[in-house]
Amino acid sequence: MSDFDASNEELEQLSLPEIEETIGEIQRRIAVALRALGEQAADEPGPEGRAPRLEVAELAARLELAALALAALAGGDTPVAEPAPRLPALAAALMYAAPTIPALLQRLEQDRRLLASLARTAGERAVPDDGRAVRRLLVESGLGAAARCVMALEAALERHAEDTEQEAGASDGP
């Protein structure tokens, strides 16, 4: 799954319910990994300098920005491109608003549901080109971002397990 390509035509052929289901399954893996890391380890940056909690907050921010684009489409407006410069500020605000793992995971679930609801509404009202745009937005902002997030979290979980084993081995010394 490390070769995830959000522009994959096969993914864009999935139905909206299939995409929603897949995003939900990936988010369940995210929740398991983040809970297993725990509060302290969730804030420890990895080799790339990014903390697991930040990865999840950025995913939630992406889902919110995608939901705003879908809300515009559902309302009959032209969807705007995802405002990437706002992502860091929105992720930081989400980390402040949801300071614990359970709160952040609840926010992530709410954002996923919001995105799914707006995708259904926009999909029902969309002309064929807009229908593809809805699917592409879900694939890129939902599936792609969620897949990258879960991969980062699972890598952090592996590092954390290795560090814990090394600490336990060091304390068992003579």
N, C-alpha and C. Protein backbone atom coordinates (compact mmCIF):
# COMPACT_ATOMS: atom_id res chain seq x y z
N MET A 1 0.81 -1.19 0.00
CA MET A 1 0.00 0.00 0.00
C MET A 1 0.86 1.26 0.00
N SER A 2 2.17 1.12 0.10
CA SER A 2 3.03 2.30 0.10
C SER A 2 3.07 2.96 -1.27
N ASP A 3 2.60 2.30 -2.30
CA ASP A 3 2.58 2.86 -3.64
C ASP A 3 1.21 3.47 -3.95
N PHE A 4 0.48 3.90 -2.93
CA PHE A 4 -0.85 4.44 -3.14
C PHE A 4 -0.80 5.62 -4.09
N ASP A 5 -1.61 5.57 -5.13
CA ASP A 5 -1.70 6.64 -6.11
C ASP A 5 -3.15 7.10 -6.15
N ALA A 6 -3.40 8.28 -5.60
CA ALA A 6 -4.77 8.77 -5.50
C ALA A 6 -5.39 9.06 -6.87
N SER A 7 -4.61 9.12 -7.92
CA SER A 7 -5.18 9.39 -9.24
C SER A 7 -5.50 8.10 -9.98
N ASN A 8 -5.38 6.98 -9.33
CA ASN A 8 -5.64 5.68 -9.93
C ASN A 8 -7.07 5.63 -10.48
N GLU A 9 -7.18 5.37 -11.77
CA GLU A 9 -8.50 5.36 -12.41
C GLU A 9 -9.41 4.29 -11.82
N GLU A 10 -8.85 3.17 -11.40
CA GLU A 10 -9.67 2.12 -10.82
C GLU A 10 -10.35 2.61 -9.54
N LEU A 11 -9.63 3.37 -8.72
CA LEU A 11 -10.23 3.91 -7.50
C LEU A 11 -11.34 4.89 -7.81
N GLU A 12 -11.15 5.67 -8.86
CA GLU A 12 -12.17 6.65 -9.23
C GLU A 12 -13.42 5.99 -9.81
N GLN A 13 -13.34 4.72 -10.16
CA GLN A 13 -14.49 4.00 -10.68
C GLN A 13 -15.36 3.42 -9.56
N LEU A 14 -14.84 3.44 -8.34
CA LEU A 14 -15.62 2.94 -7.21
C LEU A 14 -16.86 3.80 -7.02
N SER A 15 -17.91 3.19 -6.52
CA SER A 15 -19.12 3.96 -6.23
C SER A 15 -18.88 4.78 -4.96
N LEU A 16 -19.70 5.79 -4.76
CA LEU A 16 -19.57 6.61 -3.55
C LEU A 16 -19.69 5.77 -2.28
N PRO A 17 -20.66 4.85 -2.20
CA PRO A 17 -20.73 4.02 -0.98
C PRO A 17 -19.48 3.16 -0.77
N GLU A 18 -18.88 2.66 -1.86
CA GLU A 18 -17.65 1.87 -1.73
C GLU A 18 -16.50 2.73 -1.22
N ILE A 19 -16.41 3.95 -1.72
CA ILE A 19 -15.36 4.86 -1.26
C ILE A 19 -15.57 5.20 0.21
N GLU A 20 -16.81 5.51 0.58
CA GLU A 20 -17.13 5.83 1.98
C GLU A 20 -16.76 4.67 2.90
N GLU A 21 -17.10 3.47 2.50
CA GLU A 21 -16.81 2.28 3.30
C GLU A 21 -15.31 2.10 3.46
N THR A 22 -14.58 2.28 2.39
CA THR A 22 -13.12 2.11 2.44
C THR A 22 -12.48 3.16 3.33
N ILE A 23 -12.92 4.40 3.22
CA ILE A 23 -12.39 5.45 4.10
C ILE A 23 -12.68 5.10 5.55
N GLY A 24 -13.87 4.62 5.83
CA GLY A 24 -14.22 4.22 7.20
C GLY A 24 -13.33 3.10 7.72
N GLU A 25 -13.05 2.11 6.88
CA GLU A 25 -12.18 1.01 7.31
C GLU A 25 -10.76 1.50 7.59
N ILE A 26 -10.26 2.37 6.73
CA ILE A 26 -8.92 2.91 6.95
C ILE A 26 -8.90 3.72 8.24
N GLN A 27 -9.95 4.49 8.48
CA GLN A 27 -9.98 5.30 9.70
C GLN A 27 -10.06 4.43 10.95
N ARG A 28 -10.66 3.26 10.85
CA ARG A 28 -10.66 2.35 12.00
C ARG A 28 -9.24 1.89 12.30
N ARG A 29 -8.46 1.64 11.25
CA ARG A 29 -7.04 1.27 11.44
C ARG A 29 -6.27 2.43 12.06
N ILE A 30 -6.59 3.65 11.63
CA ILE A 30 -5.95 4.83 12.21
C ILE A 30 -6.25 4.91 13.70
N ALA A 31 -7.51 4.69 14.07
CA ALA A 31 -7.91 4.76 15.48
C ALA A 31 -7.17 3.71 16.31
N VAL A 32 -7.08 2.51 15.80
CA VAL A 32 -6.38 1.44 16.52
C VAL A 32 -4.92 1.81 16.73
N ALA A 33 -4.26 2.28 15.67
CA ALA A 33 -2.84 2.63 15.76
C ALA A 33 -2.61 3.80 16.72
N LEU A 34 -3.45 4.83 16.63
CA LEU A 34 -3.27 6.00 17.49
C LEU A 34 -3.51 5.66 18.95
N ARG A 35 -4.53 4.85 19.21
CA ARG A 35 -4.79 4.43 20.60
C ARG A 35 -3.64 3.57 21.13
N ALA A 36 -3.10 2.71 20.28
CA ALA A 36 -1.99 1.85 20.70
C ALA A 36 -0.74 2.68 21.02
N LEU A 37 -0.54 3.76 20.29
CA LEU A 37 0.60 4.64 20.56
C LEU A 37 0.45 5.31 21.92
N GLY A 38 -0.74 5.76 22.22
CA GLY A 38 -0.97 6.47 23.48
C GLY A 38 -0.65 7.95 23.34
N GLU A 39 -1.08 8.70 24.34
CA GLU A 39 -0.96 10.16 24.31
C GLU A 39 0.48 10.63 24.14
N GLN A 40 1.39 10.10 24.93
CA GLN A 40 2.76 10.60 24.89
C GLN A 40 3.44 10.28 23.56
N ALA A 41 3.38 9.04 23.12
CA ALA A 41 4.04 8.65 21.88
C ALA A 41 3.39 9.30 20.66
N ALA A 42 2.12 9.68 20.76
CA ALA A 42 1.44 10.33 19.64
C ALA A 42 2.03 11.70 19.33
N ASP A 43 2.74 12.28 20.29
CA ASP A 43 3.34 13.60 20.09
C ASP A 43 4.82 13.54 19.77
N GLU A 44 5.40 12.35 19.71
CA GLU A 44 6.82 12.20 19.42
C GLU A 44 7.04 12.19 17.91
N PRO A 45 7.83 13.15 17.42
CA PRO A 45 8.08 13.18 15.98
C PRO A 45 8.89 11.97 15.52
N GLY A 46 8.60 11.51 14.32
CA GLY A 46 9.34 10.39 13.73
C GLY A 46 10.55 10.92 12.99
N PRO A 47 11.20 10.06 12.21
CA PRO A 47 12.40 10.45 11.47
C PRO A 47 12.17 11.63 10.52
N GLU A 48 10.95 11.75 10.02
CA GLU A 48 10.64 12.84 9.10
C GLU A 48 10.21 14.11 9.84
N GLY A 49 10.22 14.06 11.18
CA GLY A 49 9.91 15.23 11.99
C GLY A 49 8.43 15.48 12.22
N ARG A 50 7.59 14.50 11.88
CA ARG A 50 6.14 14.68 12.03
C ARG A 50 5.60 13.74 13.10
N ALA A 51 4.81 14.29 14.00
CA ALA A 51 4.21 13.50 15.06
C ALA A 51 2.94 12.81 14.54
N PRO A 52 2.65 11.60 15.04
CA PRO A 52 1.43 10.90 14.62
C PRO A 52 0.15 11.71 14.84
N ARG A 53 0.08 12.45 15.95
CA ARG A 53 -1.13 13.27 16.21
C ARG A 53 -1.29 14.33 15.11
N LEU A 54 -0.18 14.89 14.64
CA LEU A 54 -0.25 15.87 13.56
C LEU A 54 -0.74 15.22 12.28
N GLU A 55 -0.30 14.00 12.00
CA GLU A 55 -0.76 13.28 10.80
C GLU A 55 -2.29 13.15 10.81
N VAL A 56 -2.84 12.80 11.97
CA VAL A 56 -4.29 12.62 12.08
C VAL A 56 -5.01 13.96 12.00
N ALA A 57 -4.45 14.98 12.63
CA ALA A 57 -5.07 16.31 12.56
C ALA A 57 -5.08 16.82 11.12
N GLU A 58 -4.00 16.57 10.38
CA GLU A 58 -3.97 16.99 8.98
C GLU A 58 -4.99 16.23 8.14
N LEU A 59 -5.19 14.97 8.45
CA LEU A 59 -6.22 14.21 7.74
C LEU A 59 -7.60 14.82 8.02
N ALA A 60 -7.87 15.11 9.28
CA ALA A 60 -9.16 15.73 9.63
C ALA A 60 -9.31 17.07 8.92
N ALA A 61 -8.24 17.85 8.86
CA ALA A 61 -8.29 19.14 8.17
C ALA A 61 -8.58 18.95 6.69
N ARG A 62 -7.93 17.96 6.07
CA ARG A 62 -8.18 17.68 4.65
C ARG A 62 -9.64 17.31 4.42
N LEU A 63 -10.19 16.50 5.32
CA LEU A 63 -11.59 16.10 5.17
C LEU A 63 -12.50 17.31 5.30
N GLU A 64 -12.19 18.21 6.23
CA GLU A 64 -13.01 19.41 6.38
C GLU A 64 -12.93 20.30 5.15
N LEU A 65 -11.73 20.47 4.60
CA LEU A 65 -11.58 21.30 3.41
C LEU A 65 -12.30 20.67 2.21
N ALA A 66 -12.22 19.34 2.10
CA ALA A 66 -12.94 18.65 1.03
C ALA A 66 -14.44 18.80 1.22
N ALA A 67 -14.89 18.74 2.46
CA ALA A 67 -16.32 18.91 2.74
C ALA A 67 -16.79 20.31 2.33
N LEU A 68 -15.96 21.32 2.56
CA LEU A 68 -16.33 22.68 2.15
C LEU A 68 -16.47 22.76 0.62
N ALA A 69 -15.57 22.10 -0.09
CA ALA A 69 -15.65 22.08 -1.55
C ALA A 69 -16.93 21.37 -2.00
N LEU A 70 -17.27 20.27 -1.34
CA LEU A 70 -18.49 19.53 -1.70
C LEU A 70 -19.74 20.32 -1.33
N ALA A 71 -19.67 21.07 -0.24
CA ALA A 71 -20.82 21.89 0.15
C ALA A 71 -21.09 22.94 -0.93
N ALA A 72 -20.03 23.50 -1.48
CA ALA A 72 -20.19 24.47 -2.57
C ALA A 72 -20.83 23.79 -3.77
N LEU A 73 -20.35 22.60 -4.11
CA LEU A 73 -20.89 21.87 -5.25
C LEU A 73 -22.36 21.50 -5.01
N ALA A 74 -22.67 21.02 -3.81
CA ALA A 74 -24.05 20.65 -3.48
C ALA A 74 -24.97 21.86 -3.51
N GLY A 75 -24.42 23.03 -3.22
CA GLY A 75 -25.21 24.25 -3.25
C GLY A 75 -25.33 24.88 -4.62
N GLY A 76 -24.73 24.23 -5.63
CA GLY A 76 -24.83 24.73 -6.99
C GLY A 76 -23.67 25.60 -7.41
N ASP A 77 -22.70 25.83 -6.54
CA ASP A 77 -21.54 26.64 -6.89
C ASP A 77 -20.46 25.77 -7.52
N THR A 78 -19.48 26.41 -8.07
CA THR A 78 -18.33 25.72 -8.61
C THR A 78 -17.42 25.37 -7.44
N PRO A 79 -17.03 24.11 -7.30
CA PRO A 79 -16.15 23.77 -6.18
C PRO A 79 -14.79 24.43 -6.35
N VAL A 80 -14.27 24.90 -5.25
CA VAL A 80 -12.95 25.52 -5.28
C VAL A 80 -11.90 24.46 -5.03
N ALA A 81 -10.71 24.70 -5.54
CA ALA A 81 -9.61 23.78 -5.29
C ALA A 81 -9.28 23.81 -3.81
N GLU A 82 -8.77 22.71 -3.32
CA GLU A 82 -8.42 22.62 -1.91
C GLU A 82 -7.39 23.69 -1.56
N PRO A 83 -7.70 24.54 -0.59
CA PRO A 83 -6.76 25.60 -0.22
C PRO A 83 -5.62 25.06 0.64
N ALA A 84 -4.62 24.48 -0.01
CA ALA A 84 -3.50 23.83 0.67
C ALA A 84 -2.78 24.73 1.67
N PRO A 85 -2.61 26.04 1.39
CA PRO A 85 -1.92 26.87 2.39
C PRO A 85 -2.63 26.93 3.73
N ARG A 86 -3.91 26.67 3.75
CA ARG A 86 -4.66 26.71 5.01
C ARG A 86 -4.51 25.43 5.83
N LEU A 87 -4.00 24.38 5.23
CA LEU A 87 -3.92 23.09 5.90
C LEU A 87 -3.13 23.12 7.21
N PRO A 88 -1.91 23.66 7.25
CA PRO A 88 -1.17 23.67 8.51
C PRO A 88 -1.89 24.42 9.63
N ALA A 89 -2.46 25.57 9.31
CA ALA A 89 -3.17 26.35 10.33
C ALA A 89 -4.41 25.61 10.82
N LEU A 90 -5.14 25.00 9.90
CA LEU A 90 -6.34 24.26 10.29
C LEU A 90 -5.97 23.02 11.12
N ALA A 91 -4.90 22.32 10.74
CA ALA A 91 -4.46 21.15 11.51
C ALA A 91 -4.04 21.57 12.91
N ALA A 92 -3.33 22.67 13.04
CA ALA A 92 -2.93 23.15 14.37
C ALA A 92 -4.15 23.52 15.21
N ALA A 93 -5.13 24.14 14.59
CA ALA A 93 -6.36 24.49 15.31
C ALA A 93 -7.11 23.23 15.75
N LEU A 94 -7.14 22.21 14.90
CA LEU A 94 -7.80 20.96 15.26
C LEU A 94 -7.09 20.27 16.42
N MET A 95 -5.75 20.33 16.44
CA MET A 95 -5.01 19.72 17.54
C MET A 95 -5.32 20.45 18.85
N TYR A 96 -5.51 21.75 18.78
CA TYR A 96 -5.87 22.53 19.97
C TYR A 96 -7.31 22.23 20.39
N ALA A 97 -8.20 22.13 19.41
CA ALA A 97 -9.62 21.89 19.70
C ALA A 97 -9.88 20.46 20.17
N ALA A 98 -9.03 19.54 19.77
CA ALA A 98 -9.19 18.13 20.14
C ALA A 98 -7.87 17.64 20.74
N PRO A 99 -7.58 18.03 22.00
CA PRO A 99 -6.25 17.79 22.56
C PRO A 99 -5.96 16.36 22.99
N THR A 100 -6.96 15.52 23.05
CA THR A 100 -6.73 14.13 23.45
C THR A 100 -7.00 13.21 22.27
N ILE A 101 -6.46 12.02 22.35
CA ILE A 101 -6.68 11.05 21.26
C ILE A 101 -8.16 10.76 21.06
N PRO A 102 -8.93 10.48 22.11
CA PRO A 102 -10.36 10.22 21.86
C PRO A 102 -11.07 11.42 21.21
N ALA A 103 -10.74 12.63 21.62
CA ALA A 103 -11.37 13.81 21.03
C ALA A 103 -10.98 13.96 19.56
N LEU A 104 -9.72 13.73 19.25
CA LEU A 104 -9.26 13.85 17.86
C LEU A 104 -9.90 12.78 16.98
N LEU A 105 -9.99 11.56 17.50
CA LEU A 105 -10.62 10.49 16.73
C LEU A 105 -12.11 10.75 16.52
N GLN A 106 -12.76 11.32 17.53
CA GLN A 106 -14.17 11.67 17.38
C GLN A 106 -14.33 12.75 16.31
N ARG A 107 -13.44 13.72 16.32
CA ARG A 107 -13.49 14.78 15.31
C ARG A 107 -13.26 14.20 13.92
N LEU A 108 -12.31 13.29 13.80
CA LEU A 108 -12.03 12.65 12.52
C LEU A 108 -13.26 11.90 12.00
N GLU A 109 -13.93 11.20 12.89
CA GLU A 109 -15.15 10.47 12.50
C GLU A 109 -16.25 11.44 12.07
N GLN A 110 -16.40 12.53 12.80
CA GLN A 110 -17.40 13.53 12.42
C GLN A 110 -17.10 14.11 11.04
N ASP A 111 -15.83 14.40 10.79
CA ASP A 111 -15.44 14.96 9.50
C ASP A 111 -15.67 13.96 8.37
N ARG A 112 -15.40 12.68 8.64
CA ARG A 112 -15.65 11.65 7.63
C ARG A 112 -17.14 11.57 7.31
N ARG A 113 -17.97 11.62 8.33
CA ARG A 113 -19.42 11.55 8.11
C ARG A 113 -19.94 12.79 7.38
N LEU A 114 -19.39 13.96 7.73
CA LEU A 114 -19.76 15.20 7.05
C LEU A 114 -19.41 15.10 5.57
N LEU A 115 -18.19 14.66 5.29
CA LEU A 115 -17.74 14.53 3.91
C LEU A 115 -18.63 13.53 3.15
N ALA A 116 -18.94 12.40 3.77
CA ALA A 116 -19.76 11.39 3.10
C ALA A 116 -21.17 11.92 2.81
N SER A 117 -21.74 12.62 3.77
CA SER A 117 -23.08 13.18 3.57
C SER A 117 -23.09 14.20 2.44
N LEU A 118 -22.11 15.09 2.46
CA LEU A 118 -22.04 16.10 1.40
C LEU A 118 -21.72 15.47 0.05
N ALA A 119 -20.94 14.41 0.04
CA ALA A 119 -20.64 13.73 -1.22
C ALA A 119 -21.91 13.11 -1.80
N ARG A 120 -22.73 12.51 -0.93
CA ARG A 120 -23.99 11.95 -1.43
C ARG A 120 -24.88 13.04 -2.00
N THR A 121 -25.00 14.16 -1.27
CA THR A 121 -25.84 15.26 -1.74
C THR A 121 -25.32 15.83 -3.04
N ALA A 122 -24.02 16.08 -3.09
CA ALA A 122 -23.42 16.63 -4.31
C ALA A 122 -23.52 15.62 -5.45
N GLY A 123 -23.33 14.34 -5.16
CA GLY A 123 -23.40 13.30 -6.18
C GLY A 123 -24.79 13.17 -6.76
N GLU A 124 -25.82 13.36 -5.94
CA GLU A 124 -27.20 13.27 -6.42
C GLU A 124 -27.54 14.42 -7.36
N ARG A 125 -26.94 15.57 -7.11
CA ARG A 125 -27.26 16.75 -7.90
C ARG A 125 -26.28 16.99 -9.03
N ALA A 126 -25.26 16.19 -9.12
CA ALA A 126 -24.16 16.46 -10.04
C ALA A 126 -24.46 16.00 -11.46
N VAL A 127 -23.97 16.77 -12.40
CA VAL A 127 -23.94 16.33 -13.79
C VAL A 127 -22.76 15.36 -13.89
N PRO A 128 -22.65 14.57 -14.96
CA PRO A 128 -21.59 13.55 -15.02
C PRO A 128 -20.18 14.05 -14.71
N ASP A 129 -19.79 15.21 -15.25
CA ASP A 129 -18.44 15.71 -14.96
C ASP A 129 -18.28 16.04 -13.48
N ASP A 130 -19.31 16.62 -12.86
CA ASP A 130 -19.24 16.93 -11.43
C ASP A 130 -19.24 15.65 -10.61
N GLY A 131 -19.95 14.62 -11.09
CA GLY A 131 -19.95 13.33 -10.39
C GLY A 131 -18.55 12.74 -10.31
N ARG A 132 -17.80 12.87 -11.41
CA ARG A 132 -16.40 12.41 -11.39
C ARG A 132 -15.57 13.28 -10.46
N ALA A 133 -15.86 14.57 -10.42
CA ALA A 133 -15.13 15.49 -9.53
C ALA A 133 -15.38 15.13 -8.07
N VAL A 134 -16.61 14.75 -7.74
CA VAL A 134 -16.93 14.33 -6.38
C VAL A 134 -16.13 13.09 -6.03
N ARG A 135 -16.14 12.11 -6.91
CA ARG A 135 -15.39 10.87 -6.65
C ARG A 135 -13.90 11.15 -6.53
N ARG A 136 -13.38 11.98 -7.42
CA ARG A 136 -11.94 12.31 -7.40
C ARG A 136 -11.59 13.00 -6.07
N LEU A 137 -12.43 13.91 -5.62
CA LEU A 137 -12.18 14.59 -4.36
C LEU A 137 -12.19 13.61 -3.20
N LEU A 138 -13.13 12.68 -3.21
CA LEU A 138 -13.17 11.67 -2.15
C LEU A 138 -11.95 10.76 -2.20
N VAL A 139 -11.53 10.40 -3.41
CA VAL A 139 -10.37 9.52 -3.55
C VAL A 139 -9.11 10.25 -3.08
N GLU A 140 -8.94 11.50 -3.50
CA GLU A 140 -7.73 12.23 -3.15
C GLU A 140 -7.72 12.65 -1.68
N SER A 141 -8.81 13.27 -1.23
CA SER A 141 -8.83 13.82 0.13
C SER A 141 -9.24 12.80 1.18
N GLY A 142 -9.98 11.80 0.78
CA GLY A 142 -10.39 10.77 1.72
C GLY A 142 -9.48 9.57 1.69
N LEU A 143 -9.53 8.83 0.60
CA LEU A 143 -8.75 7.59 0.51
C LEU A 143 -7.24 7.85 0.52
N GLY A 144 -6.78 8.75 -0.34
CA GLY A 144 -5.34 9.00 -0.44
C GLY A 144 -4.76 9.50 0.86
N ALA A 145 -5.38 10.53 1.42
CA ALA A 145 -4.87 11.10 2.67
C ALA A 145 -4.98 10.10 3.81
N ALA A 146 -6.08 9.36 3.87
CA ALA A 146 -6.25 8.37 4.95
C ALA A 146 -5.23 7.24 4.82
N ALA A 147 -4.97 6.80 3.59
CA ALA A 147 -3.99 5.73 3.38
C ALA A 147 -2.60 6.19 3.80
N ARG A 148 -2.22 7.41 3.42
CA ARG A 148 -0.91 7.94 3.82
C ARG A 148 -0.83 8.08 5.34
N CYS A 149 -1.91 8.52 5.95
CA CYS A 149 -1.94 8.69 7.40
C CYS A 149 -1.78 7.35 8.12
N VAL A 150 -2.52 6.34 7.71
CA VAL A 150 -2.43 5.05 8.40
C VAL A 150 -1.06 4.43 8.21
N MET A 151 -0.45 4.62 7.05
CA MET A 151 0.90 4.10 6.84
C MET A 151 1.89 4.79 7.78
N ALA A 152 1.76 6.10 7.94
CA ALA A 152 2.65 6.84 8.85
C ALA A 152 2.43 6.39 10.29
N LEU A 153 1.17 6.18 10.67
CA LEU A 153 0.87 5.76 12.05
C LEU A 153 1.38 4.35 12.32
N GLU A 154 1.20 3.47 11.38
CA GLU A 154 1.68 2.10 11.59
C GLU A 154 3.20 2.04 11.64
N ALA A 155 3.87 2.90 10.87
CA ALA A 155 5.33 2.98 10.95
C ALA A 155 5.75 3.53 12.32
N ALA A 156 5.03 4.53 12.82
CA ALA A 156 5.31 5.08 14.15
C ALA A 156 5.08 4.03 15.23
N LEU A 157 4.05 3.23 15.06
CA LEU A 157 3.75 2.17 16.02
C LEU A 157 4.87 1.13 16.03
N GLU A 158 5.38 0.79 14.87
CA GLU A 158 6.50 -0.15 14.79
C GLU A 158 7.74 0.42 15.47
N ARG A 159 8.05 1.70 15.22
CA ARG A 159 9.19 2.35 15.87
C ARG A 159 9.01 2.37 17.38
N HIS A 160 7.80 2.67 17.81
CA HIS A 160 7.51 2.73 19.25
C HIS A 160 7.70 1.35 19.89
N ALA A 161 7.24 0.31 19.22
CA ALA A 161 7.40 -1.05 19.75
C ALA A 161 8.88 -1.42 19.83
N GLU A 162 9.65 -1.06 18.80
CA GLU A 162 11.09 -1.34 18.83
C GLU A 162 11.78 -0.59 19.96
N ASP A 163 11.42 0.69 20.14
CA ASP A 163 12.01 1.49 21.22
C ASP A 163 11.67 0.91 22.58
N THR A 164 10.44 0.45 22.74
CA THR A 164 10.00 -0.14 24.00
C THR A 164 10.77 -1.43 24.28
N GLU A 165 10.97 -2.24 23.24
CA GLU A 165 11.74 -3.48 23.41
C GLU A 165 13.19 -3.19 23.78
N GLN A 166 13.78 -2.17 23.15
CA GLN A 166 15.17 -1.82 23.47
C GLN A 166 15.29 -1.30 24.89
N GLU A 167 14.33 -0.50 25.33
CA GLU A 167 14.35 -0.01 26.71
C GLU A 167 14.18 -1.15 27.70
N ALA A 168 13.31 -2.09 27.39
CA ALA A 168 13.12 -3.24 28.28
C ALA A 168 14.37 -4.10 28.32
N GLY A 169 15.03 -4.26 27.17
CA GLY A 169 16.27 -5.05 27.11
C GLY A 169 17.38 -4.36 27.87
N ALA A 170 17.46 -3.05 27.80
CA ALA A 170 18.50 -2.31 28.50
C ALA A 170 18.29 -2.35 30.01
N SER A 171 17.07 -2.36 30.46
CA SER A 171 16.81 -2.39 31.90
C SER A 171 16.99 -3.80 32.49
N ASP A 172 17.05 -4.81 31.64
CA ASP A 172 17.25 -6.19 32.11
C ASP A 172 18.73 -6.52 32.26
N GLY A 173 19.60 -5.55 31.98
CA GLY A 173 21.05 -5.78 32.02
C GLY A 173 21.56 -6.19 33.39
N PRO A 174 22.91 -6.44 33.50
CA PRO A 174 23.50 -6.96 34.75
C PRO A 174 23.43 -6.01 35.88
